[in-house]
Amino acid sequence: MKLVVLDIGGTSIKYAKYEDGILKNFSERSTDAKKSGAYVVQNAVEIIQSLKPFDGIGISTAGQVDSASGCIRYANENIPGYTGMKIREILENEFGVPTAVENDVNAAALGEGYFGAAKGMSEYLCLTYGTGVGGAVVIDGKIFKGFAGSAGEFGSMIIHGEEVRQGVRISGCYEDYASTSALVRRVSKEAVQVANGREVFEHIDMPEVKRVVDDWIQEIAHGLVTLIHVFNPRSVIIGGGVMVQEYVAESVRTVVSERIMPSFRDVEISVASLGNKAGLWGAVYIAEQKLKIPETTIL
């Protein structure tokens, strides 16, 4: 059984072919998202066309997704015109094979749950720290979607009520302080000009940079403490490129352990293990479910 899987983000589209338990021909290309949602989907069609033959398609994508219909419920202006895009319908009409579509963070959470750091766990949270903060709630091995399918918007938690601004829809929220973008902005303002999280840690020996990083870790931990007390999960998986920094993960564990009730301290905080392929592995899983293929094992 052959599957084509894509992970559509605001910056790049990652893609691969899945066969015999292996992701093959992994590659990525620019999304060129500002050209419109229609352009992004056409880009995806061209990629899928190049990977024929296959038996099914799995799509992990930015935006709020109605996974039952495979339609984008809402996407911000990072991909103009993406809201309402009927991805599943378009791809099934184009290629004539079953297609499954899921939000990228949900897909990454499923990837980690069935193939990665949360393998064997049925109750866990997954958070990714990047441009914003994405989240997913897994209960009984399934994504908890909430009433309208959009549960897990952890980045919108208000953690700084004093910063809520009248007339601003979301302010004082978690991703304003705990995202990698927030870290980069603050380091650039208070210490040294940097373009991304990797560059921040190239300057970690500078006292002013380390001070900002430590404050940022506190912000991450504050949000996790809230979520752990609300959900009482078996595990929390933290992902995003910056989480490969051992200093960050260890410091987050330490601060969280200090702040949560003793009865919650058996929670495990683990770094996502599938890296930038987590969304693709999640796309494999949802495509398999769509085709009702028995679960496979990574070779």
C-alpha atoms as a PDB file:
ATOM      1  CA  MET A   1       0.000   0.000   0.000  1.00  0.00           C
ATOM      2  CA  LYS A   2       1.411   3.364  -1.055  1.00  0.00           C
ATOM      3  CA  LEU A   3       0.461   6.744   0.403  1.00  0.00           C
ATOM      4  CA  VAL A   4       1.392  10.306  -0.478  1.00  0.00           C
ATOM      5  CA  VAL A   5       1.609  12.620   2.533  1.00  0.00           C
ATOM      6  CA  LEU A   6       1.989  16.404   2.675  1.00  0.00           C
ATOM      7  CA  ASP A   7       2.504  18.854   5.520  1.00  0.00           C
ATOM      8  CA  ILE A   8       1.381  22.290   4.324  1.00  0.00           C
ATOM      9  CA  GLY A   9       2.745  25.161   6.391  1.00  0.00           C
ATOM     10  CA  GLY A  10       2.858  28.895   5.900  1.00  0.00           C
ATOM     11  CA  THR A  11       6.512  28.740   4.819  1.00  0.00           C
ATOM     12  CA  SER A  12       7.013  25.358   3.184  1.00  0.00           C
ATOM     13  CA  ILE A  13       5.236  22.233   2.000  1.00  0.00           C
ATOM     14  CA  LYS A  14       6.954  19.062   3.174  1.00  0.00           C
ATOM     15  CA  TYR A  15       6.081  15.874   1.339  1.00  0.00           C
ATOM     16  CA  ALA A  16       6.996  12.220   1.019  1.00  0.00           C
ATOM     17  CA  LYS A  17       5.774   8.865  -0.171  1.00  0.00           C
ATOM     18  CA  TYR A  18       5.004   6.225   2.444  1.00  0.00           C
ATOM     19  CA  GLU A  19       5.568   2.580   1.642  1.00  0.00           C
ATOM     20  CA  ASP A  20       6.530  -0.496   3.669  1.00  0.00           C
ATOM     21  CA  GLY A  21       6.702   1.506   6.923  1.00  0.00           C
ATOM     22  CA  ILE A  22       9.136   4.065   5.513  1.00  0.00           C
ATOM     23  CA  LEU A  23       8.859   7.696   4.409  1.00  0.00           C
ATOM     24  CA  LYS A  24      10.581   7.870   1.039  1.00  0.00           C
ATOM     25  CA  ASN A  25      11.538  10.733  -1.265  1.00  0.00           C
ATOM     26  CA  PHE A  26      11.183  13.308   1.515  1.00  0.00           C
ATOM     27  CA  SER A  27      11.467  16.836   0.198  1.00  0.00           C
ATOM     28  CA  GLU A  28      10.031  20.305   0.612  1.00  0.00           C
ATOM     29  CA  ARG A  29       9.326  23.383  -1.430  1.00  0.00           C
ATOM     30  CA  SER A  30       8.257  26.927  -0.687  1.00  0.00           C
ATOM     31  CA  THR A  31       4.544  27.319  -0.026  1.00  0.00           C
ATOM     32  CA  ASP A  32       4.452  30.802  -1.566  1.00  0.00           C
ATOM     33  CA  ALA A  33       1.453  31.201   0.720  1.00  0.00           C
ATOM     34  CA  LYS A  34       0.923  34.899   0.033  1.00  0.00           C
ATOM     35  CA  LYS A  35      -0.103  34.036  -3.521  1.00  0.00           C
ATOM     36  CA  SER A  36      -3.418  32.650  -2.163  1.00  0.00           C
ATOM     37  CA  GLY A  37      -4.965  29.490  -0.853  1.00  0.00           C
ATOM     38  CA  ALA A  38      -5.899  28.418  -4.381  1.00  0.00           C
ATOM     39  CA  TYR A  39      -2.249  28.670  -5.406  1.00  0.00           C
ATOM     40  CA  VAL A  40      -1.186  26.594  -2.378  1.00  0.00           C
ATOM     41  CA  VAL A  41      -3.651  23.831  -3.246  1.00  0.00           C
ATOM     42  CA  GLN A  42      -2.517  23.834  -6.886  1.00  0.00           C
ATOM     43  CA  ASN A  43       1.053  23.568  -5.618  1.00  0.00           C
ATOM     44  CA  ALA A  44      -0.024  20.525  -3.587  1.00  0.00           C
ATOM     45  CA  VAL A  45      -1.728  18.985  -6.635  1.00  0.00           C
ATOM     46  CA  GLU A  46       1.496  19.287  -8.652  1.00  0.00           C
ATOM     47  CA  ILE A  47       3.515  17.643  -5.872  1.00  0.00           C
ATOM     48  CA  ILE A  48       1.052  14.763  -5.554  1.00  0.00           C
ATOM     49  CA  GLN A  49       0.975  14.319  -9.342  1.00  0.00           C
ATOM     50  CA  SER A  50       4.761  13.834  -9.313  1.00  0.00           C
ATOM     51  CA  LEU A  51       4.515  10.981  -6.782  1.00  0.00           C
ATOM     52  CA  LYS A  52       2.138   8.673  -8.653  1.00  0.00           C
ATOM     53  CA  PRO A  53       1.132   5.874  -8.280  1.00  0.00           C
ATOM     54  CA  PHE A  54      -0.459   5.715  -4.818  1.00  0.00           C
ATOM     55  CA  ASP A  55      -3.514   4.402  -3.010  1.00  0.00           C
ATOM     56  CA  GLY A  56      -4.350   7.270  -0.683  1.00  0.00           C
ATOM     57  CA  ILE A  57      -3.425  10.803   0.385  1.00  0.00           C
ATOM     58  CA  GLY A  58      -2.853  12.279   3.833  1.00  0.00           C
ATOM     59  CA  ILE A  59      -2.719  16.044   4.335  1.00  0.00           C
ATOM     60  CA  SER A  60      -1.477  17.917   7.410  1.00  0.00           C
ATOM     61  CA  THR A  61      -2.157  21.615   7.010  1.00  0.00           C
ATOM     62  CA  ALA A  62      -2.096  24.976   8.702  1.00  0.00           C
ATOM     63  CA  GLY A  63      -5.492  26.391   9.642  1.00  0.00           C
ATOM     64  CA  GLN A  64      -8.522  25.113  11.518  1.00  0.00           C
ATOM     65  CA  VAL A  65      -9.717  21.970   9.769  1.00  0.00           C
ATOM     66  CA  ASP A  66     -13.067  20.201   9.626  1.00  0.00           C
ATOM     67  CA  SER A  67     -11.508  16.772   9.306  1.00  0.00           C
ATOM     68  CA  ALA A  68     -14.852  15.086   8.576  1.00  0.00           C
ATOM     69  CA  SER A  69     -15.292  17.082   5.366  1.00  0.00           C
ATOM     70  CA  GLY A  70     -11.628  17.885   4.737  1.00  0.00           C
ATOM     71  CA  CYS A  71     -12.413  21.601   4.524  1.00  0.00           C
ATOM     72  CA  ILE A  72     -10.484  24.552   6.003  1.00  0.00           C
ATOM     73  CA  ARG A  73     -12.801  26.115   8.605  1.00  0.00           C
ATOM     74  CA  TYR A  74     -10.563  29.120   9.170  1.00  0.00           C
ATOM     75  CA  ALA A  75      -7.086  30.300   8.205  1.00  0.00           C
ATOM     76  CA  ASN A  76      -5.495  33.655   8.913  1.00  0.00           C
ATOM     77  CA  GLU A  77      -4.002  35.943   6.315  1.00  0.00           C
ATOM     78  CA  ASN A  78      -0.737  34.013   6.260  1.00  0.00           C
ATOM     79  CA  ILE A  79      -2.539  32.066   3.505  1.00  0.00           C
ATOM     80  CA  PRO A  80      -5.055  34.487   1.941  1.00  0.00           C
ATOM     81  CA  GLY A  81      -8.258  32.888   0.723  1.00  0.00           C
ATOM     82  CA  TYR A  82      -7.536  29.530   2.373  1.00  0.00           C
ATOM     83  CA  THR A  83     -10.630  29.688   4.586  1.00  0.00           C
ATOM     84  CA  GLY A  84     -13.356  27.505   3.091  1.00  0.00           C
ATOM     85  CA  MET A  85     -10.980  25.595   0.805  1.00  0.00           C
ATOM     86  CA  LYS A  86     -12.418  22.090   0.201  1.00  0.00           C
ATOM     87  CA  ILE A  87      -9.105  20.274   0.097  1.00  0.00           C
ATOM     88  CA  ARG A  88     -10.399  16.729   0.363  1.00  0.00           C
ATOM     89  CA  GLU A  89     -13.007  17.240  -2.336  1.00  0.00           C
ATOM     90  CA  ILE A  90     -10.475  18.848  -4.672  1.00  0.00           C
ATOM     91  CA  LEU A  91      -7.896  16.079  -4.254  1.00  0.00           C
ATOM     92  CA  GLU A  92     -10.352  13.201  -4.396  1.00  0.00           C
ATOM     93  CA  ASN A  93     -11.837  14.627  -7.602  1.00  0.00           C
ATOM     94  CA  GLU A  94      -8.354  15.106  -9.063  1.00  0.00           C
ATOM     95  CA  PHE A  95      -6.828  11.751  -8.119  1.00  0.00           C
ATOM     96  CA  GLY A  96      -9.735   9.430  -7.362  1.00  0.00           C
ATOM     97  CA  VAL A  97      -8.275   8.032  -4.121  1.00  0.00           C
ATOM     98  CA  PRO A  98      -9.349   8.421  -0.472  1.00  0.00           C
ATOM     99  CA  THR A  99      -7.935  11.588   1.105  1.00  0.00           C
ATOM    100  CA  ALA A 100      -7.704  12.561   4.774  1.00  0.00           C
ATOM    101  CA  VAL A 101      -7.073  16.128   5.971  1.00  0.00           C
ATOM    102  CA  GLU A 102      -6.115  17.307   9.464  1.00  0.00           C
ATOM    103  CA  ASN A 103      -4.801  20.429  11.185  1.00  0.00           C
ATOM    104  CA  ASP A 104      -0.996  20.407  11.303  1.00  0.00           C
ATOM    105  CA  VAL A 105      -0.652  20.456  15.101  1.00  0.00           C
ATOM    106  CA  ASN A 106      -3.247  17.709  15.477  1.00  0.00           C
ATOM    107  CA  ALA A 107      -1.434  15.695  12.828  1.00  0.00           C
ATOM    108  CA  ALA A 108       1.900  16.191  14.610  1.00  0.00           C
ATOM    109  CA  ALA A 109       0.295  15.061  17.872  1.00  0.00           C
ATOM    110  CA  LEU A 110      -1.037  11.911  16.204  1.00  0.00           C
ATOM    111  CA  GLY A 111       2.351  11.297  14.621  1.00  0.00           C
ATOM    112  CA  GLU A 112       4.060  11.531  17.998  1.00  0.00           C
ATOM    113  CA  GLY A 113       1.358   9.353  19.568  1.00  0.00           C
ATOM    114  CA  TYR A 114       1.548   6.489  17.111  1.00  0.00           C
ATOM    115  CA  PHE A 115       5.150   6.679  15.938  1.00  0.00           C
ATOM    116  CA  GLY A 116       7.088   8.995  18.284  1.00  0.00           C
ATOM    117  CA  ALA A 117       7.564  10.358  21.796  1.00  0.00           C
ATOM    118  CA  ALA A 118       4.033   9.540  23.020  1.00  0.00           C
ATOM    119  CA  LYS A 119       3.861   6.073  21.479  1.00  0.00           C
ATOM    120  CA  GLY A 120       1.751   3.781  23.659  1.00  0.00           C
ATOM    121  CA  MET A 121       0.140   6.666  25.555  1.00  0.00           C
ATOM    122  CA  SER A 122      -3.587   7.350  25.321  1.00  0.00           C
ATOM    123  CA  GLU A 123      -3.754  10.656  27.267  1.00  0.00           C
ATOM    124  CA  TYR A 124      -1.362  13.464  26.441  1.00  0.00           C
ATOM    125  CA  LEU A 125      -1.029  17.069  25.328  1.00  0.00           C
ATOM    126  CA  CYS A 126       1.119  18.245  22.455  1.00  0.00           C
ATOM    127  CA  LEU A 127       2.366  21.818  22.051  1.00  0.00           C
ATOM    128  CA  THR A 128       4.522  23.331  19.342  1.00  0.00           C
ATOM    129  CA  TYR A 129       6.435  26.567  19.845  1.00  0.00           C
ATOM    130  CA  GLY A 130       7.218  28.505  16.703  1.00  0.00           C
ATOM    131  CA  THR A 131       5.645  31.553  15.056  1.00  0.00           C
ATOM    132  CA  GLY A 132       2.807  31.015  17.534  1.00  0.00           C
ATOM    133  CA  VAL A 133       1.944  28.267  20.000  1.00  0.00           C
ATOM    134  CA  GLY A 134      -0.113  25.394  18.638  1.00  0.00           C
ATOM    135  CA  GLY A 135      -1.731  22.709  20.747  1.00  0.00           C
ATOM    136  CA  ALA A 136      -3.576  19.421  20.656  1.00  0.00           C
ATOM    137  CA  VAL A 137      -5.402  17.391  23.288  1.00  0.00           C
ATOM    138  CA  VAL A 138      -5.349  13.600  22.948  1.00  0.00           C
ATOM    139  CA  ILE A 139      -7.858  11.569  24.964  1.00  0.00           C
ATOM    140  CA  ASP A 140      -8.228   7.802  24.551  1.00  0.00           C
ATOM    141  CA  GLY A 141      -5.778   7.994  21.669  1.00  0.00           C
ATOM    142  CA  LYS A 142      -7.943  10.442  19.707  1.00  0.00           C
ATOM    143  CA  ILE A 143      -7.782  14.194  19.138  1.00  0.00           C
ATOM    144  CA  PHE A 144     -10.287  16.037  21.321  1.00  0.00           C
ATOM    145  CA  LYS A 145     -11.807  18.571  18.957  1.00  0.00           C
ATOM    146  CA  GLY A 146     -14.406  20.370  21.042  1.00  0.00           C
ATOM    147  CA  PHE A 147     -17.842  21.455  19.849  1.00  0.00           C
ATOM    148  CA  ALA A 148     -16.806  23.109  16.579  1.00  0.00           C
ATOM    149  CA  GLY A 149     -13.621  21.138  15.940  1.00  0.00           C
ATOM    150  CA  SER A 150     -11.137  23.792  17.055  1.00  0.00           C
ATOM    151  CA  ALA A 151     -10.106  22.732  20.577  1.00  0.00           C
ATOM    152  CA  GLY A 152      -6.459  23.072  21.564  1.00  0.00           C
ATOM    153  CA  GLU A 153      -5.871  26.756  20.767  1.00  0.00           C
ATOM    154  CA  PHE A 154      -3.463  26.963  23.696  1.00  0.00           C
ATOM    155  CA  GLY A 155      -1.684  29.958  22.220  1.00  0.00           C
ATOM    156  CA  SER A 156      -4.792  32.059  22.930  1.00  0.00           C
ATOM    157  CA  MET A 157      -4.803  31.392  26.688  1.00  0.00           C
ATOM    158  CA  ILE A 158      -4.682  34.730  28.484  1.00  0.00           C
ATOM    159  CA  ILE A 159      -1.791  34.547  30.913  1.00  0.00           C
ATOM    160  CA  HIS A 160      -1.127  38.271  31.286  1.00  0.00           C
ATOM    161  CA  GLY A 161      -4.476  39.888  32.051  1.00  0.00           C
ATOM    162  CA  GLU A 162      -2.764  43.201  32.663  1.00  0.00           C
ATOM    163  CA  GLU A 163      -1.743  43.251  28.980  1.00  0.00           C
ATOM    164  CA  VAL A 164      -5.232  42.732  27.573  1.00  0.00           C
ATOM    165  CA  ARG A 165      -5.973  45.705  25.308  1.00  0.00           C
ATOM    166  CA  GLN A 166      -9.433  47.076  24.650  1.00  0.00           C
ATOM    167  CA  GLY A 167     -10.517  46.404  21.098  1.00  0.00           C
ATOM    168  CA  VAL A 168      -7.772  43.833  20.463  1.00  0.00           C
ATOM    169  CA  ARG A 169      -9.363  40.417  19.970  1.00  0.00           C
ATOM    170  CA  ILE A 170      -6.509  38.371  21.432  1.00  0.00           C
ATOM    171  CA  SER A 171      -3.940  40.070  23.646  1.00  0.00           C
ATOM    172  CA  GLY A 172      -2.027  39.180  26.784  1.00  0.00           C
ATOM    173  CA  CYS A 173      -2.048  35.601  25.513  1.00  0.00           C
ATOM    174  CA  TYR A 174       0.367  32.694  25.800  1.00  0.00           C
ATOM    175  CA  GLU A 175       1.863  32.885  22.323  1.00  0.00           C
ATOM    176  CA  ASP A 176       2.627  36.601  22.788  1.00  0.00           C
ATOM    177  CA  TYR A 177       5.141  35.567  25.459  1.00  0.00           C
ATOM    178  CA  ALA A 178       5.999  31.872  24.983  1.00  0.00           C
ATOM    179  CA  SER A 179       6.350  31.496  21.207  1.00  0.00           C
ATOM    180  CA  THR A 180       9.756  31.376  19.548  1.00  0.00           C
ATOM    181  CA  SER A 181       8.766  34.545  17.688  1.00  0.00           C
ATOM    182  CA  ALA A 182       8.267  36.283  21.038  1.00  0.00           C
ATOM    183  CA  LEU A 183      11.726  35.165  22.159  1.00  0.00           C
ATOM    184  CA  VAL A 184      13.349  36.405  18.941  1.00  0.00           C
ATOM    185  CA  ARG A 185      11.584  39.782  19.185  1.00  0.00           C
ATOM    186  CA  ARG A 186      12.634  40.324  22.763  1.00  0.00           C
ATOM    187  CA  VAL A 187      16.262  39.251  22.268  1.00  0.00           C
ATOM    188  CA  SER A 188      16.492  41.539  19.232  1.00  0.00           C
ATOM    189  CA  LYS A 189      15.072  44.438  21.234  1.00  0.00           C
ATOM    190  CA  GLU A 190      17.031  43.997  24.451  1.00  0.00           C
ATOM    191  CA  ALA A 191      20.288  42.296  23.517  1.00  0.00           C
ATOM    192  CA  VAL A 192      21.394  41.490  19.963  1.00  0.00           C
ATOM    193  CA  GLN A 193      19.719  41.342  16.565  1.00  0.00           C
ATOM    194  CA  VAL A 194      18.696  37.771  15.709  1.00  0.00           C
ATOM    195  CA  ALA A 195      16.511  36.284  12.991  1.00  0.00           C
ATOM    196  CA  ASN A 196      15.397  32.992  14.549  1.00  0.00           C
ATOM    197  CA  GLY A 197      15.634  30.734  17.589  1.00  0.00           C
ATOM    198  CA  ARG A 198      18.827  29.066  16.409  1.00  0.00           C
ATOM    199  CA  GLU A 199      20.590  32.434  16.337  1.00  0.00           C
ATOM    200  CA  VAL A 200      19.331  33.211  19.838  1.00  0.00           C
ATOM    201  CA  PHE A 201      21.170  30.180  21.187  1.00  0.00           C
ATOM    202  CA  GLU A 202      24.322  31.054  19.287  1.00  0.00           C
ATOM    203  CA  HIS A 203      24.469  34.050  21.677  1.00  0.00           C
ATOM    204  CA  ILE A 204      23.373  32.264  24.863  1.00  0.00           C
ATOM    205  CA  ASP A 205      26.717  33.052  26.550  1.00  0.00           C
ATOM    206  CA  MET A 206      25.790  36.728  26.549  1.00  0.00           C
ATOM    207  CA  PRO A 207      24.308  37.493  30.006  1.00  0.00           C
ATOM    208  CA  GLU A 208      21.556  39.704  28.590  1.00  0.00           C
ATOM    209  CA  VAL A 209      20.513  36.984  26.122  1.00  0.00           C
ATOM    210  CA  LYS A 210      20.490  34.290  28.806  1.00  0.00           C
ATOM    211  CA  ARG A 211      18.351  36.527  31.028  1.00  0.00           C
ATOM    212  CA  VAL A 212      15.756  36.902  28.254  1.00  0.00           C
ATOM    213  CA  VAL A 213      15.831  33.148  27.535  1.00  0.00           C
ATOM    214  CA  ASP A 214      15.297  32.360  31.224  1.00  0.00           C
ATOM    215  CA  ASP A 215      12.343  34.760  31.382  1.00  0.00           C
ATOM    216  CA  TRP A 216      10.904  33.123  28.253  1.00  0.00           C
ATOM    217  CA  ILE A 217      11.255  29.669  29.828  1.00  0.00           C
ATOM    218  CA  GLN A 218       9.252  30.936  32.792  1.00  0.00           C
ATOM    219  CA  GLU A 219       6.478  31.977  30.398  1.00  0.00           C
ATOM    220  CA  ILE A 220       6.453  28.536  28.770  1.00  0.00           C
ATOM    221  CA  ALA A 221       6.285  26.872  32.180  1.00  0.00           C
ATOM    222  CA  HIS A 222       3.422  29.094  33.409  1.00  0.00           C
ATOM    223  CA  GLY A 223       1.228  27.980  30.536  1.00  0.00           C
ATOM    224  CA  LEU A 224       2.141  24.320  31.005  1.00  0.00           C
ATOM    225  CA  VAL A 225       1.355  24.473  34.720  1.00  0.00           C
ATOM    226  CA  THR A 226      -2.147  25.709  33.883  1.00  0.00           C
ATOM    227  CA  LEU A 227      -2.714  23.017  31.261  1.00  0.00           C
ATOM    228  CA  ILE A 228      -1.402  20.219  33.476  1.00  0.00           C
ATOM    229  CA  HIS A 229      -3.747  21.230  36.286  1.00  0.00           C
ATOM    230  CA  VAL A 230      -6.696  21.399  33.872  1.00  0.00           C
ATOM    231  CA  PHE A 231      -6.122  18.152  31.958  1.00  0.00           C
ATOM    232  CA  ASN A 232      -3.995  16.005  34.308  1.00  0.00           C
ATOM    233  CA  PRO A 233      -2.287  14.367  31.309  1.00  0.00           C
ATOM    234  CA  ARG A 234       0.020  11.372  31.397  1.00  0.00           C
ATOM    235  CA  SER A 235       2.502  13.261  29.259  1.00  0.00           C
ATOM    236  CA  VAL A 236       3.117  16.638  27.649  1.00  0.00           C
ATOM    237  CA  ILE A 237       5.008  16.635  24.355  1.00  0.00           C
ATOM    238  CA  ILE A 238       6.760  19.901  23.513  1.00  0.00           C
ATOM    239  CA  GLY A 239       7.939  20.538  19.978  1.00  0.00           C
ATOM    240  CA  GLY A 240       9.267  23.188  17.655  1.00  0.00           C
ATOM    241  CA  GLY A 241      12.824  23.697  16.482  1.00  0.00           C
ATOM    242  CA  VAL A 242      13.953  25.528  19.595  1.00  0.00           C
ATOM    243  CA  MET A 243      13.013  22.586  21.822  1.00  0.00           C
ATOM    244  CA  VAL A 244      16.034  20.630  20.592  1.00  0.00           C
ATOM    245  CA  GLN A 245      18.031  22.883  22.914  1.00  0.00           C
ATOM    246  CA  GLU A 246      18.614  20.671  25.964  1.00  0.00           C
ATOM    247  CA  TYR A 247      18.843  23.726  28.213  1.00  0.00           C
ATOM    248  CA  VAL A 248      15.280  24.718  27.305  1.00  0.00           C
ATOM    249  CA  ALA A 249      13.672  21.326  27.876  1.00  0.00           C
ATOM    250  CA  GLU A 250      15.476  20.676  31.162  1.00  0.00           C
ATOM    251  CA  SER A 251      14.725  24.155  32.480  1.00  0.00           C
ATOM    252  CA  VAL A 252      11.039  23.843  31.547  1.00  0.00           C
ATOM    253  CA  ARG A 253      10.816  20.520  33.418  1.00  0.00           C
ATOM    254  CA  THR A 254      12.451  22.040  36.481  1.00  0.00           C
ATOM    255  CA  VAL A 255      10.232  25.119  36.630  1.00  0.00           C
ATOM    256  CA  VAL A 256       7.029  23.144  35.986  1.00  0.00           C
ATOM    257  CA  SER A 257       7.903  20.651  38.721  1.00  0.00           C
ATOM    258  CA  GLU A 258       8.420  23.517  41.165  1.00  0.00           C
ATOM    259  CA  ARG A 259       5.056  25.120  40.322  1.00  0.00           C
ATOM    260  CA  ILE A 260       2.577  22.243  40.119  1.00  0.00           C
ATOM    261  CA  MET A 261       0.788  20.458  42.941  1.00  0.00           C
ATOM    262  CA  PRO A 262       2.710  17.434  44.260  1.00  0.00           C
ATOM    263  CA  SER A 263      -0.091  15.117  43.146  1.00  0.00           C
ATOM    264  CA  PHE A 264       0.513  16.159  39.500  1.00  0.00           C
ATOM    265  CA  ARG A 265       4.285  15.663  39.469  1.00  0.00           C
ATOM    266  CA  ASP A 266       4.169  12.263  37.802  1.00  0.00           C
ATOM    267  CA  VAL A 267       3.468  13.988  34.488  1.00  0.00           C
ATOM    268  CA  GLU A 268       6.200  13.447  31.892  1.00  0.00           C
ATOM    269  CA  ILE A 269       7.411  16.377  29.795  1.00  0.00           C
ATOM    270  CA  SER A 270       9.073  15.026  26.666  1.00  0.00           C
ATOM    271  CA  VAL A 271      10.555  16.653  23.584  1.00  0.00           C
ATOM    272  CA  ALA A 272       8.885  15.660  20.316  1.00  0.00           C
ATOM    273  CA  SER A 273      11.006  12.976  18.670  1.00  0.00           C
ATOM    274  CA  LEU A 274       9.890  13.107  15.026  1.00  0.00           C
ATOM    275  CA  GLY A 275      11.277  16.570  14.332  1.00  0.00           C
ATOM    276  CA  ASN A 276       9.995  18.292  11.212  1.00  0.00           C
ATOM    277  CA  LYS A 277       8.458  15.037   9.961  1.00  0.00           C
ATOM    278  CA  ALA A 278       5.873  14.750  12.776  1.00  0.00           C
ATOM    279  CA  GLY A 279       3.127  16.223  10.608  1.00  0.00           C
ATOM    280  CA  LEU A 280       3.949  13.782   7.799  1.00  0.00           C
ATOM    281  CA  TRP A 281       3.771  10.820  10.173  1.00  0.00           C
ATOM    282  CA  GLY A 282       0.436  12.121  11.406  1.00  0.00           C
ATOM    283  CA  ALA A 283      -0.713  12.342   7.784  1.00  0.00           C
ATOM    284  CA  VAL A 284       0.323   8.700   7.365  1.00  0.00           C
ATOM    285  CA  TYR A 285      -1.818   7.742  10.338  1.00  0.00           C
ATOM    286  CA  ILE A 286      -4.963   9.586   9.200  1.00  0.00           C
ATOM    287  CA  ALA A 287      -4.592   8.256   5.661  1.00  0.00           C
ATOM    288  CA  GLU A 288      -4.277   4.715   7.028  1.00  0.00           C
ATOM    289  CA  GLN A 289      -7.389   5.252   9.110  1.00  0.00           C
ATOM    290  CA  LYS A 290      -9.195   6.546   6.044  1.00  0.00           C
ATOM    291  CA  LEU A 291      -8.212   3.424   4.132  1.00  0.00           C
ATOM    292  CA  LYS A 292      -8.739   1.239   7.213  1.00  0.00           C
ATOM    293  CA  ILE A 293      -5.256  -0.185   6.867  1.00  0.00           C
ATOM    294  CA  PRO A 294      -3.987  -2.010   9.968  1.00  0.00           C
ATOM    295  CA  GLU A 295      -1.483   0.070  11.922  1.00  0.00           C
ATOM    296  CA  THR A 296       2.063  -0.370  10.672  1.00  0.00           C
ATOM    297  CA  THR A 297       5.439  -0.261  12.309  1.00  0.00           C
ATOM    298  CA  ILE A 298       8.323   2.061  11.474  1.00  0.00           C
ATOM    299  CA  LEU A 299      11.291   0.154  10.064  1.00  0.00           C
END
